């Protein structure tokens, strides 16, 4: 009986995945910033601009969907921030000179997944 218990204990303990083995996948890729062309284009343009302003690409879950918030001037007054889905389609926008807010529930309903890029 002890042998069976020891055997199952060993099997159980070695079958648990190591944290390094867990791959985070988004939009059918583990690296959306490199594998989603439209998202990579934003990153490349931010890096190429040489501007002093801060830019961010943040991944959220919003209404059970992975979305990406693109902020090309983080903490700038009157900046228009846009949220895209995995296909690069605009989901909503907020800010700008006109005070646009097409997702008034975003702040309450969106869950931060990870910051993909910031300078």
C-alpha atoms as a PDB file:
ATOM      1  CA  UNK A   1       0.000   0.000   0.000  1.00  0.00           C
ATOM      2  CA  UNK A   2       2.850   2.390   0.812  1.00  0.00           C
ATOM      3  CA  UNK A   3       4.434   1.692  -2.564  1.00  0.00           C
ATOM      4  CA  UNK A   4       1.235   2.664  -4.373  1.00  0.00           C
ATOM      5  CA  UNK A   5       0.925   5.850  -2.313  1.00  0.00           C
ATOM      6  CA  UNK A   6       4.552   6.798  -3.023  1.00  0.00           C
ATOM      7  CA  UNK A   7       4.125   6.038  -6.719  1.00  0.00           C
ATOM      8  CA  UNK A   8       1.020   8.227  -7.079  1.00  0.00           C
ATOM      9  CA  UNK A   9       2.616  10.989  -5.009  1.00  0.00           C
ATOM     10  CA  UNK A  10       5.616  11.066  -7.332  1.00  0.00           C
ATOM     11  CA  UNK A  11       3.410  11.028 -10.428  1.00  0.00           C
ATOM     12  CA  UNK A  12       1.240  13.830  -9.034  1.00  0.00           C
ATOM     13  CA  UNK A  13       4.166  16.046  -8.036  1.00  0.00           C
ATOM     14  CA  UNK A  14       6.018  15.650 -11.319  1.00  0.00           C
ATOM     15  CA  UNK A  15       2.933  16.195 -13.458  1.00  0.00           C
ATOM     16  CA  UNK A  16       2.359  19.774 -12.280  1.00  0.00           C
ATOM     17  CA  UNK A  17       3.548  22.233 -14.912  1.00  0.00           C
ATOM     18  CA  UNK A  18       6.523  24.377 -14.156  1.00  0.00           C
ATOM     19  CA  UNK A  19       5.775  28.117 -14.335  1.00  0.00           C
ATOM     20  CA  UNK A  20       8.345  28.400 -17.122  1.00  0.00           C
ATOM     21  CA  UNK A  21       6.401  25.825 -19.144  1.00  0.00           C
ATOM     22  CA  UNK A  22       3.207  27.871 -19.122  1.00  0.00           C
ATOM     23  CA  UNK A  23       2.906  29.875 -22.335  1.00  0.00           C
ATOM     24  CA  UNK A  24       0.747  32.953 -22.407  1.00  0.00           C
ATOM     25  CA  UNK A  25      -1.163  33.003 -25.671  1.00  0.00           C
ATOM     26  CA  UNK A  26      -3.115  35.898 -27.075  1.00  0.00           C
ATOM     27  CA  UNK A  27      -4.734  36.150 -30.482  1.00  0.00           C
ATOM     28  CA  UNK A  28      -3.283  32.722 -31.326  1.00  0.00           C
ATOM     29  CA  UNK A  29       0.271  33.821 -30.569  1.00  0.00           C
ATOM     30  CA  UNK A  30       2.528  33.928 -27.542  1.00  0.00           C
ATOM     31  CA  UNK A  31       4.104  37.186 -28.751  1.00  0.00           C
ATOM     32  CA  UNK A  32       1.401  39.496 -30.153  1.00  0.00           C
ATOM     33  CA  UNK A  33       3.737  42.492 -30.294  1.00  0.00           C
ATOM     34  CA  UNK A  34       5.931  40.714 -32.828  1.00  0.00           C
ATOM     35  CA  UNK A  35       3.467  38.372 -34.550  1.00  0.00           C
ATOM     36  CA  UNK A  36       0.526  40.722 -35.159  1.00  0.00           C
ATOM     37  CA  UNK A  37       1.794  42.901 -38.007  1.00  0.00           C
ATOM     38  CA  UNK A  38      -0.482  45.844 -37.304  1.00  0.00           C
ATOM     39  CA  UNK A  39       0.564  45.888 -33.622  1.00  0.00           C
ATOM     40  CA  UNK A  40       4.238  45.584 -34.485  1.00  0.00           C
ATOM     41  CA  UNK A  41       3.829  48.548 -36.868  1.00  0.00           C
ATOM     42  CA  UNK A  42       2.711  50.717 -33.944  1.00  0.00           C
ATOM     43  CA  UNK A  43       5.732  49.656 -31.893  1.00  0.00           C
ATOM     44  CA  UNK A  44       8.138  50.311 -34.776  1.00  0.00           C
ATOM     45  CA  UNK A  45       6.628  53.749 -35.437  1.00  0.00           C
ATOM     46  CA  UNK A  46       6.915  54.667 -31.737  1.00  0.00           C
ATOM     47  CA  UNK A  47      10.566  53.629 -31.707  1.00  0.00           C
ATOM     48  CA  UNK A  48      11.343  55.389 -34.993  1.00  0.00           C
ATOM     49  CA  UNK A  49       9.689  58.661 -34.030  1.00  0.00           C
ATOM     50  CA  UNK A  50      12.453  59.592 -31.607  1.00  0.00           C
ATOM     51  CA  UNK A  51       9.880  61.700 -29.779  1.00  0.00           C
ATOM     52  CA  UNK A  52      10.310  62.447 -26.101  1.00  0.00           C
ATOM     53  CA  UNK A  53       6.655  61.697 -25.404  1.00  0.00           C
ATOM     54  CA  UNK A  54       5.761  58.413 -23.741  1.00  0.00           C
ATOM     55  CA  UNK A  55       3.947  55.756 -25.758  1.00  0.00           C
ATOM     56  CA  UNK A  56       2.292  52.579 -24.499  1.00  0.00           C
ATOM     57  CA  UNK A  57       0.733  49.427 -25.884  1.00  0.00           C
ATOM     58  CA  UNK A  58      -1.310  47.674 -23.214  1.00  0.00           C
ATOM     59  CA  UNK A  59      -3.191  44.413 -23.473  1.00  0.00           C
ATOM     60  CA  UNK A  60      -6.562  44.134 -21.734  1.00  0.00           C
ATOM     61  CA  UNK A  61      -9.468  41.738 -21.569  1.00  0.00           C
ATOM     62  CA  UNK A  62     -12.643  43.649 -22.338  1.00  0.00           C
ATOM     63  CA  UNK A  63     -16.042  41.978 -22.654  1.00  0.00           C
ATOM     64  CA  UNK A  64     -14.340  38.547 -22.820  1.00  0.00           C
ATOM     65  CA  UNK A  65     -12.146  39.638 -25.724  1.00  0.00           C
ATOM     66  CA  UNK A  66      -8.436  40.421 -25.911  1.00  0.00           C
ATOM     67  CA  UNK A  67      -7.935  44.062 -26.839  1.00  0.00           C
ATOM     68  CA  UNK A  68      -4.978  46.400 -27.147  1.00  0.00           C
ATOM     69  CA  UNK A  69      -4.957  49.990 -25.945  1.00  0.00           C
ATOM     70  CA  UNK A  70      -2.665  52.143 -28.069  1.00  0.00           C
ATOM     71  CA  UNK A  71      -1.618  55.380 -26.434  1.00  0.00           C
ATOM     72  CA  UNK A  72       0.817  57.345 -28.579  1.00  0.00           C
ATOM     73  CA  UNK A  73       1.205  60.138 -26.034  1.00  0.00           C
ATOM     74  CA  UNK A  74       0.703  58.789 -22.542  1.00  0.00           C
ATOM     75  CA  UNK A  75      -0.253  61.482 -20.012  1.00  0.00           C
ATOM     76  CA  UNK A  76      -0.628  64.120 -22.746  1.00  0.00           C
ATOM     77  CA  UNK A  77      -3.588  66.472 -22.551  1.00  0.00           C
ATOM     78  CA  UNK A  78      -6.176  66.030 -25.314  1.00  0.00           C
ATOM     79  CA  UNK A  79      -4.648  62.780 -26.555  1.00  0.00           C
ATOM     80  CA  UNK A  80      -6.911  60.340 -28.412  1.00  0.00           C
ATOM     81  CA  UNK A  81      -6.449  56.778 -27.130  1.00  0.00           C
ATOM     82  CA  UNK A  82      -7.666  53.893 -29.296  1.00  0.00           C
ATOM     83  CA  UNK A  83      -8.539  50.304 -28.389  1.00  0.00           C
ATOM     84  CA  UNK A  84      -8.199  47.575 -31.035  1.00  0.00           C
ATOM     85  CA  UNK A  85      -9.164  43.907 -31.221  1.00  0.00           C
ATOM     86  CA  UNK A  86      -6.856  41.094 -32.375  1.00  0.00           C
ATOM     87  CA  UNK A  87      -7.637  41.839 -36.018  1.00  0.00           C
ATOM     88  CA  UNK A  88      -6.582  45.469 -35.673  1.00  0.00           C
ATOM     89  CA  UNK A  89     -10.147  46.766 -35.839  1.00  0.00           C
ATOM     90  CA  UNK A  90     -11.043  49.788 -33.721  1.00  0.00           C
ATOM     91  CA  UNK A  91     -13.200  48.790 -30.767  1.00  0.00           C
ATOM     92  CA  UNK A  92     -13.434  52.221 -29.169  1.00  0.00           C
ATOM     93  CA  UNK A  93     -11.715  55.557 -28.640  1.00  0.00           C
ATOM     94  CA  UNK A  94     -11.538  58.062 -25.843  1.00  0.00           C
ATOM     95  CA  UNK A  95     -10.016  61.471 -25.276  1.00  0.00           C
ATOM     96  CA  UNK A  96      -8.884  63.919 -27.895  1.00  0.00           C
ATOM     97  CA  UNK A  97      -9.918  67.544 -28.323  1.00  0.00           C
ATOM     98  CA  UNK A  98     -13.557  66.538 -28.844  1.00  0.00           C
ATOM     99  CA  UNK A  99     -13.699  64.453 -25.650  1.00  0.00           C
ATOM    100  CA  UNK A 100     -14.629  61.246 -27.485  1.00  0.00           C
ATOM    101  CA  UNK A 101     -15.729  58.311 -25.317  1.00  0.00           C
ATOM    102  CA  UNK A 102     -17.163  55.432 -27.315  1.00  0.00           C
ATOM    103  CA  UNK A 103     -16.508  52.938 -24.483  1.00  0.00           C
ATOM    104  CA  UNK A 104     -17.703  54.658 -21.312  1.00  0.00           C
ATOM    105  CA  UNK A 105     -17.528  51.343 -19.444  1.00  0.00           C
ATOM    106  CA  UNK A 106     -13.920  50.533 -20.404  1.00  0.00           C
ATOM    107  CA  UNK A 107     -12.325  51.671 -17.144  1.00  0.00           C
ATOM    108  CA  UNK A 108     -14.744  49.572 -15.102  1.00  0.00           C
ATOM    109  CA  UNK A 109     -15.025  46.534 -17.378  1.00  0.00           C
ATOM    110  CA  UNK A 110     -11.505  46.107 -18.797  1.00  0.00           C
ATOM    111  CA  UNK A 111      -8.940  43.996 -16.981  1.00  0.00           C
ATOM    112  CA  UNK A 112      -5.255  44.761 -17.424  1.00  0.00           C
ATOM    113  CA  UNK A 113      -3.423  41.713 -18.747  1.00  0.00           C
ATOM    114  CA  UNK A 114       0.027  43.121 -19.403  1.00  0.00           C
ATOM    115  CA  UNK A 115       1.969  46.089 -20.706  1.00  0.00           C
ATOM    116  CA  UNK A 116       3.461  45.032 -24.019  1.00  0.00           C
ATOM    117  CA  UNK A 117       5.443  48.171 -24.804  1.00  0.00           C
ATOM    118  CA  UNK A 118       6.351  51.466 -23.197  1.00  0.00           C
ATOM    119  CA  UNK A 119       9.135  53.912 -23.770  1.00  0.00           C
END
